[in-house]
């Protein structure tokens, strides 16, 4: 599952958040976690009364319903177990990945990350509460996908058969459609949020963009620049991209850079290293494939989490 799909799932999981935030009453400042009592220990990792209180407030904000204390405790236990399992497989998700997902959520709600943080604060919720959930979700997605990778490979004929079974008319289902595949390399000019440093980095990014003529020569040059990260290759196809982003990439020549954009970690651009025409699943087949993946993922996720919980040392106080 690529980053964009993952972030979309996280947004969906918090579906009522935008509406709930809009009706918050002002003035409910977040209180410091003064006397935090440890309520549960999960393999030596504590869950405090403050953690539980925060998660209850957040759940109320999202769903407009207050979950029971026990429901929240069980959810937090699951999250601790997921993160601990990820660490055993060296899937320790970095703060930058969490911050990027947090910023994407804010953007989807037409907010800046700072505005989302302030709005959460009015509901008595710290940003760390949401970020903790994001970290657990990202970790678990990667862990389950990696551990059960082979079971997520579906044969084309099985997908087509499933799509045919769902068909409600007599129109034949196309199996493949034309699309464009883009091979991208993200380039990040690291900068702190706001301030003069970000503007300086933007000018440096524009200078690189002006002289960047190919990935073969441009990427090694970018790696030599101060506080510049050239990230791993990303492959996207046009059917997975928003129209605006598709247009942007189509207007960017192969071997050139997209316009600089501000992110929580600095100024980012994408080098378009290759572009080619391919065949991908038709929309009906793509939908069926996603449904099959989700069903298989949920089955593995539930069973694996149960196994981890049985093996965990959970001490309730």
C-alpha atoms as a PDB file:
ATOM      1  CA  UNK A   1       0.000   0.000   0.000  1.00  0.00           C
ATOM      2  CA  UNK A   2       1.563   3.244  -1.007  1.00  0.00           C
ATOM      3  CA  UNK A   3       1.862   6.362   1.152  1.00  0.00           C
ATOM      4  CA  UNK A   4      -1.074   8.150  -0.446  1.00  0.00           C
ATOM      5  CA  UNK A   5      -3.442   5.185   0.087  1.00  0.00           C
ATOM      6  CA  UNK A   6      -2.270   4.834   3.638  1.00  0.00           C
ATOM      7  CA  UNK A   7      -2.933   8.455   4.427  1.00  0.00           C
ATOM      8  CA  UNK A   8      -6.365   8.231   2.816  1.00  0.00           C
ATOM      9  CA  UNK A   9      -7.197   5.285   5.100  1.00  0.00           C
ATOM     10  CA  UNK A  10      -6.097   7.272   8.140  1.00  0.00           C
ATOM     11  CA  UNK A  11      -8.293  10.186   7.071  1.00  0.00           C
ATOM     12  CA  UNK A  12     -11.217   7.809   6.608  1.00  0.00           C
ATOM     13  CA  UNK A  13     -10.660   6.321  10.043  1.00  0.00           C
ATOM     14  CA  UNK A  14     -11.018   9.809  11.479  1.00  0.00           C
ATOM     15  CA  UNK A  15     -13.921  10.591   9.160  1.00  0.00           C
ATOM     16  CA  UNK A  16     -15.977  12.732  11.528  1.00  0.00           C
ATOM     17  CA  UNK A  17     -13.063  14.832  12.688  1.00  0.00           C
ATOM     18  CA  UNK A  18     -13.545  17.792  10.353  1.00  0.00           C
ATOM     19  CA  UNK A  19     -17.194  18.210  11.277  1.00  0.00           C
ATOM     20  CA  UNK A  20     -16.533  17.753  14.942  1.00  0.00           C
ATOM     21  CA  UNK A  21     -13.714  20.275  14.963  1.00  0.00           C
ATOM     22  CA  UNK A  22     -15.934  22.861  13.339  1.00  0.00           C
ATOM     23  CA  UNK A  23     -18.371  22.890  16.274  1.00  0.00           C
ATOM     24  CA  UNK A  24     -15.867  22.937  19.123  1.00  0.00           C
ATOM     25  CA  UNK A  25     -16.376  25.526  21.810  1.00  0.00           C
ATOM     26  CA  UNK A  26     -13.407  27.821  22.313  1.00  0.00           C
ATOM     27  CA  UNK A  27     -11.536  28.087  25.562  1.00  0.00           C
ATOM     28  CA  UNK A  28     -10.965  24.485  26.561  1.00  0.00           C
ATOM     29  CA  UNK A  29      -7.195  24.574  26.988  1.00  0.00           C
ATOM     30  CA  UNK A  30      -5.258  21.340  27.389  1.00  0.00           C
ATOM     31  CA  UNK A  31      -4.317  20.715  30.978  1.00  0.00           C
ATOM     32  CA  UNK A  32      -0.816  19.545  31.909  1.00  0.00           C
ATOM     33  CA  UNK A  33      -0.442  15.870  32.759  1.00  0.00           C
ATOM     34  CA  UNK A  34       0.089  16.533  36.425  1.00  0.00           C
ATOM     35  CA  UNK A  35      -0.455  13.407  38.514  1.00  0.00           C
ATOM     36  CA  UNK A  36      -0.319  10.612  35.975  1.00  0.00           C
ATOM     37  CA  UNK A  37      -1.149   7.210  37.405  1.00  0.00           C
ATOM     38  CA  UNK A  38       0.033   4.114  35.576  1.00  0.00           C
ATOM     39  CA  UNK A  39      -3.091   2.054  34.860  1.00  0.00           C
ATOM     40  CA  UNK A  40      -1.675  -0.719  32.648  1.00  0.00           C
ATOM     41  CA  UNK A  41       1.793  -1.991  31.821  1.00  0.00           C
ATOM     42  CA  UNK A  42       2.167  -3.633  28.391  1.00  0.00           C
ATOM     43  CA  UNK A  43       5.461  -5.515  28.161  1.00  0.00           C
ATOM     44  CA  UNK A  44       6.917  -2.853  30.441  1.00  0.00           C
ATOM     45  CA  UNK A  45       5.393   0.057  28.482  1.00  0.00           C
ATOM     46  CA  UNK A  46       3.018   2.152  30.654  1.00  0.00           C
ATOM     47  CA  UNK A  47      -0.459   3.398  29.835  1.00  0.00           C
ATOM     48  CA  UNK A  48      -1.319   6.263  32.168  1.00  0.00           C
ATOM     49  CA  UNK A  49      -4.544   7.842  33.317  1.00  0.00           C
ATOM     50  CA  UNK A  50      -3.622  10.847  31.179  1.00  0.00           C
ATOM     51  CA  UNK A  51      -3.284   8.641  28.074  1.00  0.00           C
ATOM     52  CA  UNK A  52      -6.759   7.240  28.720  1.00  0.00           C
ATOM     53  CA  UNK A  53      -8.305  10.643  29.368  1.00  0.00           C
ATOM     54  CA  UNK A  54      -6.764  12.068  26.209  1.00  0.00           C
ATOM     55  CA  UNK A  55      -7.921   9.185  24.034  1.00  0.00           C
ATOM     56  CA  UNK A  56     -11.454   9.451  25.416  1.00  0.00           C
ATOM     57  CA  UNK A  57     -11.552  13.156  24.568  1.00  0.00           C
ATOM     58  CA  UNK A  58     -10.194  12.499  21.098  1.00  0.00           C
ATOM     59  CA  UNK A  59     -12.694   9.715  20.421  1.00  0.00           C
ATOM     60  CA  UNK A  60     -15.522  11.978  21.567  1.00  0.00           C
ATOM     61  CA  UNK A  61     -14.255  14.697  19.251  1.00  0.00           C
ATOM     62  CA  UNK A  62     -14.182  12.345  16.263  1.00  0.00           C
ATOM     63  CA  UNK A  63     -17.355  10.305  16.802  1.00  0.00           C
ATOM     64  CA  UNK A  64     -19.364  12.639  19.050  1.00  0.00           C
ATOM     65  CA  UNK A  65     -19.784   9.634  21.320  1.00  0.00           C
ATOM     66  CA  UNK A  66     -17.759   8.973  24.457  1.00  0.00           C
ATOM     67  CA  UNK A  67     -16.360   5.425  24.546  1.00  0.00           C
ATOM     68  CA  UNK A  68     -16.168   3.540  27.826  1.00  0.00           C
ATOM     69  CA  UNK A  69     -12.954   3.675  29.793  1.00  0.00           C
ATOM     70  CA  UNK A  70     -12.413  -0.052  29.194  1.00  0.00           C
ATOM     71  CA  UNK A  71     -12.827   0.341  25.408  1.00  0.00           C
ATOM     72  CA  UNK A  72     -10.163   3.039  25.397  1.00  0.00           C
ATOM     73  CA  UNK A  73      -7.797   0.955  27.530  1.00  0.00           C
ATOM     74  CA  UNK A  74      -8.110  -2.020  25.157  1.00  0.00           C
ATOM     75  CA  UNK A  75      -7.448   0.245  22.154  1.00  0.00           C
ATOM     76  CA  UNK A  76      -4.328   1.679  23.801  1.00  0.00           C
ATOM     77  CA  UNK A  77      -3.102  -1.815  24.702  1.00  0.00           C
ATOM     78  CA  UNK A  78      -3.465  -2.829  21.054  1.00  0.00           C
ATOM     79  CA  UNK A  79      -1.496   0.221  19.934  1.00  0.00           C
ATOM     80  CA  UNK A  80       1.344  -0.456  22.361  1.00  0.00           C
ATOM     81  CA  UNK A  81       1.533  -4.057  21.144  1.00  0.00           C
ATOM     82  CA  UNK A  82       1.545  -2.991  17.488  1.00  0.00           C
ATOM     83  CA  UNK A  83       4.379  -0.511  17.985  1.00  0.00           C
ATOM     84  CA  UNK A  84       6.391  -2.993  20.056  1.00  0.00           C
ATOM     85  CA  UNK A  85       5.970  -5.660  17.353  1.00  0.00           C
ATOM     86  CA  UNK A  86       7.115  -3.172  14.738  1.00  0.00           C
ATOM     87  CA  UNK A  87      10.237  -2.394  16.711  1.00  0.00           C
ATOM     88  CA  UNK A  88      11.126  -6.084  16.901  1.00  0.00           C
ATOM     89  CA  UNK A  89      11.123  -6.058  13.109  1.00  0.00           C
ATOM     90  CA  UNK A  90      12.991  -2.707  13.068  1.00  0.00           C
ATOM     91  CA  UNK A  91       9.933  -0.800  11.873  1.00  0.00           C
ATOM     92  CA  UNK A  92      10.461   2.187  14.133  1.00  0.00           C
ATOM     93  CA  UNK A  93       8.476   4.894  12.319  1.00  0.00           C
ATOM     94  CA  UNK A  94      10.269   8.238  12.421  1.00  0.00           C
ATOM     95  CA  UNK A  95       8.790  11.513  13.622  1.00  0.00           C
ATOM     96  CA  UNK A  96       9.090  12.949  10.111  1.00  0.00           C
ATOM     97  CA  UNK A  97       6.746  10.269   8.703  1.00  0.00           C
ATOM     98  CA  UNK A  98       4.225  10.925  11.464  1.00  0.00           C
ATOM     99  CA  UNK A  99       4.465  14.696  10.980  1.00  0.00           C
ATOM    100  CA  UNK A 100       3.898  14.287   7.242  1.00  0.00           C
ATOM    101  CA  UNK A 101       0.726  12.265   7.808  1.00  0.00           C
ATOM    102  CA  UNK A 102      -0.415  14.799  10.416  1.00  0.00           C
ATOM    103  CA  UNK A 103       0.134  17.624   7.927  1.00  0.00           C
ATOM    104  CA  UNK A 104      -1.729  15.697   5.218  1.00  0.00           C
ATOM    105  CA  UNK A 105      -4.714  15.329   7.524  1.00  0.00           C
ATOM    106  CA  UNK A 106      -4.682  19.051   8.208  1.00  0.00           C
ATOM    107  CA  UNK A 107      -4.491  19.776   4.488  1.00  0.00           C
ATOM    108  CA  UNK A 108      -7.459  17.536   3.759  1.00  0.00           C
ATOM    109  CA  UNK A 109      -9.431  19.575   6.277  1.00  0.00           C
ATOM    110  CA  UNK A 110      -8.160  22.813   4.704  1.00  0.00           C
ATOM    111  CA  UNK A 111      -6.015  23.650   7.720  1.00  0.00           C
ATOM    112  CA  UNK A 112      -2.346  24.100   8.412  1.00  0.00           C
ATOM    113  CA  UNK A 113      -0.775  21.704  10.937  1.00  0.00           C
ATOM    114  CA  UNK A 114      -0.626  24.589  13.395  1.00  0.00           C
ATOM    115  CA  UNK A 115      -4.341  25.256  12.966  1.00  0.00           C
ATOM    116  CA  UNK A 116      -5.152  21.588  13.505  1.00  0.00           C
ATOM    117  CA  UNK A 117      -3.043  21.573  16.672  1.00  0.00           C
ATOM    118  CA  UNK A 118      -4.801  24.696  17.970  1.00  0.00           C
ATOM    119  CA  UNK A 119      -8.229  23.262  17.203  1.00  0.00           C
ATOM    120  CA  UNK A 120      -7.420  20.004  18.956  1.00  0.00           C
ATOM    121  CA  UNK A 121      -6.246  22.041  21.951  1.00  0.00           C
ATOM    122  CA  UNK A 122      -9.644  23.733  22.174  1.00  0.00           C
ATOM    123  CA  UNK A 123     -11.101  20.258  22.638  1.00  0.00           C
ATOM    124  CA  UNK A 124      -8.590  19.460  25.361  1.00  0.00           C
ATOM    125  CA  UNK A 125      -6.525  17.137  23.147  1.00  0.00           C
ATOM    126  CA  UNK A 126      -2.761  17.274  22.653  1.00  0.00           C
ATOM    127  CA  UNK A 127      -1.382  16.651  19.139  1.00  0.00           C
ATOM    128  CA  UNK A 128       0.623  13.765  20.575  1.00  0.00           C
ATOM    129  CA  UNK A 129      -2.608  11.834  21.081  1.00  0.00           C
ATOM    130  CA  UNK A 130      -3.399  11.883  17.370  1.00  0.00           C
ATOM    131  CA  UNK A 131       0.239  11.339  16.404  1.00  0.00           C
ATOM    132  CA  UNK A 132       0.464   8.280  18.637  1.00  0.00           C
ATOM    133  CA  UNK A 133      -2.445   6.734  16.788  1.00  0.00           C
ATOM    134  CA  UNK A 134      -0.918   7.634  13.422  1.00  0.00           C
ATOM    135  CA  UNK A 135       2.388   6.009  14.412  1.00  0.00           C
ATOM    136  CA  UNK A 136       0.660   2.780  15.454  1.00  0.00           C
ATOM    137  CA  UNK A 137      -1.426   2.655  12.262  1.00  0.00           C
ATOM    138  CA  UNK A 138       1.565   3.201   9.961  1.00  0.00           C
ATOM    139  CA  UNK A 139       3.626   0.616  11.855  1.00  0.00           C
ATOM    140  CA  UNK A 140       0.882  -1.987  11.729  1.00  0.00           C
ATOM    141  CA  UNK A 141       0.157  -1.454   8.025  1.00  0.00           C
ATOM    142  CA  UNK A 142       3.801  -2.032   7.154  1.00  0.00           C
ATOM    143  CA  UNK A 143       4.192  -4.966   9.533  1.00  0.00           C
ATOM    144  CA  UNK A 144       1.133  -6.923   8.355  1.00  0.00           C
ATOM    145  CA  UNK A 145       1.890  -6.247   4.691  1.00  0.00           C
ATOM    146  CA  UNK A 146       5.468  -7.440   5.105  1.00  0.00           C
ATOM    147  CA  UNK A 147       4.730 -10.500   7.239  1.00  0.00           C
ATOM    148  CA  UNK A 148       1.910 -11.797   5.033  1.00  0.00           C
ATOM    149  CA  UNK A 149       3.114 -10.393   1.719  1.00  0.00           C
ATOM    150  CA  UNK A 150       2.550 -13.531  -0.348  1.00  0.00           C
ATOM    151  CA  UNK A 151      -1.136 -13.762   0.580  1.00  0.00           C
ATOM    152  CA  UNK A 152      -1.802 -10.310  -0.889  1.00  0.00           C
ATOM    153  CA  UNK A 153      -0.894 -11.446  -4.408  1.00  0.00           C
ATOM    154  CA  UNK A 154      -4.130 -12.061  -6.301  1.00  0.00           C
ATOM    155  CA  UNK A 155      -4.400 -13.733  -9.687  1.00  0.00           C
ATOM    156  CA  UNK A 156      -5.862 -11.616 -12.463  1.00  0.00           C
ATOM    157  CA  UNK A 157      -8.408 -14.290 -13.346  1.00  0.00           C
ATOM    158  CA  UNK A 158      -9.674 -14.376  -9.751  1.00  0.00           C
ATOM    159  CA  UNK A 159     -10.088 -10.601  -9.699  1.00  0.00           C
ATOM    160  CA  UNK A 160     -11.899 -10.664 -13.033  1.00  0.00           C
ATOM    161  CA  UNK A 161     -14.190 -13.446 -11.815  1.00  0.00           C
ATOM    162  CA  UNK A 162     -15.032 -11.476  -8.668  1.00  0.00           C
ATOM    163  CA  UNK A 163     -15.764  -8.369 -10.731  1.00  0.00           C
ATOM    164  CA  UNK A 164     -17.994 -10.342 -13.080  1.00  0.00           C
ATOM    165  CA  UNK A 165     -19.917 -11.732 -10.106  1.00  0.00           C
ATOM    166  CA  UNK A 166     -20.602  -8.186  -8.893  1.00  0.00           C
ATOM    167  CA  UNK A 167     -21.614  -6.838 -12.301  1.00  0.00           C
ATOM    168  CA  UNK A 168     -25.184  -5.513 -12.400  1.00  0.00           C
ATOM    169  CA  UNK A 169     -25.587  -5.053 -16.159  1.00  0.00           C
ATOM    170  CA  UNK A 170     -24.742  -6.852 -19.373  1.00  0.00           C
ATOM    171  CA  UNK A 171     -21.788  -4.664 -20.278  1.00  0.00           C
ATOM    172  CA  UNK A 172     -18.513  -6.597 -20.460  1.00  0.00           C
ATOM    173  CA  UNK A 173     -15.817  -5.636 -17.991  1.00  0.00           C
ATOM    174  CA  UNK A 174     -12.578  -4.320 -19.431  1.00  0.00           C
ATOM    175  CA  UNK A 175      -9.604  -5.813 -17.677  1.00  0.00           C
ATOM    176  CA  UNK A 176      -6.956  -3.225 -18.542  1.00  0.00           C
ATOM    177  CA  UNK A 177      -6.856   0.466 -19.462  1.00  0.00           C
ATOM    178  CA  UNK A 178      -4.059   2.777 -20.601  1.00  0.00           C
ATOM    179  CA  UNK A 179      -2.227   4.835 -17.981  1.00  0.00           C
ATOM    180  CA  UNK A 180       1.013   6.726 -17.502  1.00  0.00           C
ATOM    181  CA  UNK A 181       3.632   5.557 -15.023  1.00  0.00           C
ATOM    182  CA  UNK A 182       5.896   8.147 -13.380  1.00  0.00           C
ATOM    183  CA  UNK A 183       9.228   7.313 -11.744  1.00  0.00           C
ATOM    184  CA  UNK A 184       9.975   9.976  -9.138  1.00  0.00           C
ATOM    185  CA  UNK A 185      12.747  10.847  -6.688  1.00  0.00           C
ATOM    186  CA  UNK A 186      11.779  13.211  -3.851  1.00  0.00           C
ATOM    187  CA  UNK A 187      14.408  15.831  -2.976  1.00  0.00           C
ATOM    188  CA  UNK A 188      14.069  17.561   0.388  1.00  0.00           C
ATOM    189  CA  UNK A 189      15.828  20.757   1.431  1.00  0.00           C
ATOM    190  CA  UNK A 190      15.676  20.353   5.215  1.00  0.00           C
ATOM    191  CA  UNK A 191      14.448  23.473   7.018  1.00  0.00           C
ATOM    192  CA  UNK A 192      12.717  24.338  10.254  1.00  0.00           C
ATOM    193  CA  UNK A 193       9.080  25.318  10.083  1.00  0.00           C
ATOM    194  CA  UNK A 194       8.624  28.964   9.106  1.00  0.00           C
ATOM    195  CA  UNK A 195      11.257  31.633   9.640  1.00  0.00           C
ATOM    196  CA  UNK A 196      14.009  32.932   7.412  1.00  0.00           C
ATOM    197  CA  UNK A 197      15.590  29.502   6.991  1.00  0.00           C
ATOM    198  CA  UNK A 198      12.677  28.225   4.944  1.00  0.00           C
ATOM    199  CA  UNK A 199      12.888  31.110   2.478  1.00  0.00           C
ATOM    200  CA  UNK A 200      16.629  30.637   2.076  1.00  0.00           C
ATOM    201  CA  UNK A 201      16.094  26.946   1.406  1.00  0.00           C
ATOM    202  CA  UNK A 202      13.393  27.739  -1.141  1.00  0.00           C
ATOM    203  CA  UNK A 203      15.811  29.944  -3.075  1.00  0.00           C
ATOM    204  CA  UNK A 204      18.406  27.157  -2.988  1.00  0.00           C
ATOM    205  CA  UNK A 205      15.797  24.693  -4.253  1.00  0.00           C
ATOM    206  CA  UNK A 206      14.892  27.018  -7.116  1.00  0.00           C
ATOM    207  CA  UNK A 207      18.583  27.291  -8.007  1.00  0.00           C
ATOM    208  CA  UNK A 208      18.876  23.496  -8.155  1.00  0.00           C
ATOM    209  CA  UNK A 209      15.734  23.290 -10.264  1.00  0.00           C
ATOM    210  CA  UNK A 210      17.166  25.747 -12.778  1.00  0.00           C
ATOM    211  CA  UNK A 211      20.305  23.678 -13.370  1.00  0.00           C
ATOM    212  CA  UNK A 212      18.780  20.182 -13.008  1.00  0.00           C
ATOM    213  CA  UNK A 213      18.768  18.552 -16.459  1.00  0.00           C
ATOM    214  CA  UNK A 214      18.744  14.806 -15.787  1.00  0.00           C
ATOM    215  CA  UNK A 215      18.441  12.383 -12.890  1.00  0.00           C
ATOM    216  CA  UNK A 216      21.784  10.769 -13.777  1.00  0.00           C
ATOM    217  CA  UNK A 217      23.731  13.960 -13.167  1.00  0.00           C
ATOM    218  CA  UNK A 218      21.299  15.968 -11.037  1.00  0.00           C
ATOM    219  CA  UNK A 219      20.720  13.497  -8.205  1.00  0.00           C
ATOM    220  CA  UNK A 220      24.433  12.998  -7.358  1.00  0.00           C
ATOM    221  CA  UNK A 221      24.851  16.784  -7.396  1.00  0.00           C
ATOM    222  CA  UNK A 222      21.837  17.251  -5.089  1.00  0.00           C
ATOM    223  CA  UNK A 223      23.285  14.755  -2.595  1.00  0.00           C
ATOM    224  CA  UNK A 224      26.377  16.930  -2.220  1.00  0.00           C
ATOM    225  CA  UNK A 225      24.373  19.982  -1.190  1.00  0.00           C
ATOM    226  CA  UNK A 226      24.124  20.992   2.456  1.00  0.00           C
ATOM    227  CA  UNK A 227      21.177  19.465   4.375  1.00  0.00           C
ATOM    228  CA  UNK A 228      19.591  17.977   1.272  1.00  0.00           C
ATOM    229  CA  UNK A 229      18.042  14.505   1.309  1.00  0.00           C
ATOM    230  CA  UNK A 230      17.474  12.538  -1.900  1.00  0.00           C
ATOM    231  CA  UNK A 231      14.870   9.962  -0.957  1.00  0.00           C
ATOM    232  CA  UNK A 232      14.043   6.532  -2.308  1.00  0.00           C
ATOM    233  CA  UNK A 233      12.433   6.128  -5.717  1.00  0.00           C
ATOM    234  CA  UNK A 234       8.632   6.328  -5.909  1.00  0.00           C
ATOM    235  CA  UNK A 235       6.607   4.866  -8.784  1.00  0.00           C
ATOM    236  CA  UNK A 236       3.097   6.216  -9.365  1.00  0.00           C
ATOM    237  CA  UNK A 237       0.598   5.732 -12.134  1.00  0.00           C
ATOM    238  CA  UNK A 238      -1.823   8.328 -13.412  1.00  0.00           C
ATOM    239  CA  UNK A 239      -4.946   6.540 -12.181  1.00  0.00           C
ATOM    240  CA  UNK A 240      -3.762   6.891  -8.559  1.00  0.00           C
ATOM    241  CA  UNK A 241      -3.091  10.631  -8.762  1.00  0.00           C
ATOM    242  CA  UNK A 242      -5.332  13.637  -8.352  1.00  0.00           C
ATOM    243  CA  UNK A 243      -5.947  15.514 -11.628  1.00  0.00           C
ATOM    244  CA  UNK A 244      -3.929  18.541 -10.487  1.00  0.00           C
ATOM    245  CA  UNK A 245      -0.882  16.417  -9.674  1.00  0.00           C
ATOM    246  CA  UNK A 246      -1.259  14.499 -12.941  1.00  0.00           C
ATOM    247  CA  UNK A 247      -1.258  17.783 -14.855  1.00  0.00           C
ATOM    248  CA  UNK A 248       1.808  18.967 -12.944  1.00  0.00           C
ATOM    249  CA  UNK A 249       3.785  15.824 -13.800  1.00  0.00           C
ATOM    250  CA  UNK A 250       2.661  15.887 -17.426  1.00  0.00           C
ATOM    251  CA  UNK A 251       3.982  19.444 -17.693  1.00  0.00           C
ATOM    252  CA  UNK A 252       7.290  18.481 -16.078  1.00  0.00           C
ATOM    253  CA  UNK A 253       9.818  17.210 -18.572  1.00  0.00           C
ATOM    254  CA  UNK A 254      11.636  13.946 -17.946  1.00  0.00           C
ATOM    255  CA  UNK A 255      14.852  14.725 -16.104  1.00  0.00           C
ATOM    256  CA  UNK A 256      13.442  17.946 -14.619  1.00  0.00           C
ATOM    257  CA  UNK A 257      12.164  18.991 -11.183  1.00  0.00           C
ATOM    258  CA  UNK A 258       8.681  20.015 -10.079  1.00  0.00           C
ATOM    259  CA  UNK A 259       8.147  23.376  -8.361  1.00  0.00           C
ATOM    260  CA  UNK A 260       9.305  23.593  -4.725  1.00  0.00           C
ATOM    261  CA  UNK A 261       6.609  23.057  -2.098  1.00  0.00           C
ATOM    262  CA  UNK A 262       6.670  23.652   1.649  1.00  0.00           C
ATOM    263  CA  UNK A 263       6.308  20.578   3.890  1.00  0.00           C
ATOM    264  CA  UNK A 264       6.602  20.091   7.660  1.00  0.00           C
ATOM    265  CA  UNK A 265      10.256  19.073   7.171  1.00  0.00           C
ATOM    266  CA  UNK A 266      11.374  21.675   4.649  1.00  0.00           C
ATOM    267  CA  UNK A 267      11.157  22.413   0.929  1.00  0.00           C
ATOM    268  CA  UNK A 268      10.422  19.434  -1.278  1.00  0.00           C
ATOM    269  CA  UNK A 269      10.572  18.816  -5.025  1.00  0.00           C
ATOM    270  CA  UNK A 270      10.228  15.723  -7.192  1.00  0.00           C
ATOM    271  CA  UNK A 271      12.613  14.708  -9.940  1.00  0.00           C
ATOM    272  CA  UNK A 272      10.737  13.064 -12.817  1.00  0.00           C
ATOM    273  CA  UNK A 273      13.230  10.395 -13.853  1.00  0.00           C
ATOM    274  CA  UNK A 274      11.058   8.414 -16.260  1.00  0.00           C
ATOM    275  CA  UNK A 275       7.591   8.417 -17.767  1.00  0.00           C
ATOM    276  CA  UNK A 276       6.055   5.606 -19.777  1.00  0.00           C
ATOM    277  CA  UNK A 277       2.714   4.310 -20.981  1.00  0.00           C
ATOM    278  CA  UNK A 278       1.456   1.167 -19.246  1.00  0.00           C
ATOM    279  CA  UNK A 279      -1.680  -0.916 -18.839  1.00  0.00           C
ATOM    280  CA  UNK A 280      -3.378  -1.022 -15.431  1.00  0.00           C
ATOM    281  CA  UNK A 281      -6.513  -2.558 -13.957  1.00  0.00           C
ATOM    282  CA  UNK A 282      -9.751  -0.994 -15.129  1.00  0.00           C
ATOM    283  CA  UNK A 283     -11.624   0.878 -12.343  1.00  0.00           C
ATOM    284  CA  UNK A 284     -13.973  -2.047 -11.667  1.00  0.00           C
ATOM    285  CA  UNK A 285     -11.051  -4.453 -11.259  1.00  0.00           C
ATOM    286  CA  UNK A 286      -9.077  -1.994  -9.187  1.00  0.00           C
ATOM    287  CA  UNK A 287     -12.010  -1.669  -6.791  1.00  0.00           C
ATOM    288  CA  UNK A 288     -12.333  -5.445  -6.494  1.00  0.00           C
ATOM    289  CA  UNK A 289      -8.592  -5.824  -5.911  1.00  0.00           C
ATOM    290  CA  UNK A 290      -8.739  -3.248  -3.103  1.00  0.00           C
ATOM    291  CA  UNK A 291     -11.713  -5.016  -1.533  1.00  0.00           C
ATOM    292  CA  UNK A 292      -9.921  -8.361  -1.685  1.00  0.00           C
ATOM    293  CA  UNK A 293      -6.829  -6.805  -0.152  1.00  0.00           C
ATOM    294  CA  UNK A 294      -8.839  -5.162   2.651  1.00  0.00           C
ATOM    295  CA  UNK A 295     -10.638  -8.410   3.477  1.00  0.00           C
ATOM    296  CA  UNK A 296      -7.406 -10.387   3.567  1.00  0.00           C
ATOM    297  CA  UNK A 297      -5.620  -7.663   5.527  1.00  0.00           C
ATOM    298  CA  UNK A 298      -8.332  -7.525   8.191  1.00  0.00           C
ATOM    299  CA  UNK A 299      -8.276 -11.304   8.617  1.00  0.00           C
ATOM    300  CA  UNK A 300      -4.488 -11.432   9.048  1.00  0.00           C
ATOM    301  CA  UNK A 301      -4.496  -8.319  11.229  1.00  0.00           C
ATOM    302  CA  UNK A 302      -7.082  -9.677  13.649  1.00  0.00           C
ATOM    303  CA  UNK A 303      -5.449 -13.094  13.982  1.00  0.00           C
ATOM    304  CA  UNK A 304      -1.909 -11.731  14.361  1.00  0.00           C
ATOM    305  CA  UNK A 305      -2.950  -9.168  16.965  1.00  0.00           C
ATOM    306  CA  UNK A 306      -4.691 -11.885  18.973  1.00  0.00           C
ATOM    307  CA  UNK A 307      -1.478 -13.935  18.913  1.00  0.00           C
ATOM    308  CA  UNK A 308       0.584 -10.973  20.082  1.00  0.00           C
ATOM    309  CA  UNK A 309      -1.876 -10.169  22.864  1.00  0.00           C
ATOM    310  CA  UNK A 310      -1.772 -13.755  24.147  1.00  0.00           C
ATOM    311  CA  UNK A 311       2.031 -13.608  24.304  1.00  0.00           C
ATOM    312  CA  UNK A 312       2.142 -10.127  25.846  1.00  0.00           C
ATOM    313  CA  UNK A 313       2.681  -9.407  29.533  1.00  0.00           C
ATOM    314  CA  UNK A 314      -0.243  -7.107  30.382  1.00  0.00           C
ATOM    315  CA  UNK A 315      -0.344  -5.928  33.987  1.00  0.00           C
ATOM    316  CA  UNK A 316      -3.480  -4.069  35.027  1.00  0.00           C
ATOM    317  CA  UNK A 317      -3.255  -1.940  38.159  1.00  0.00           C
END
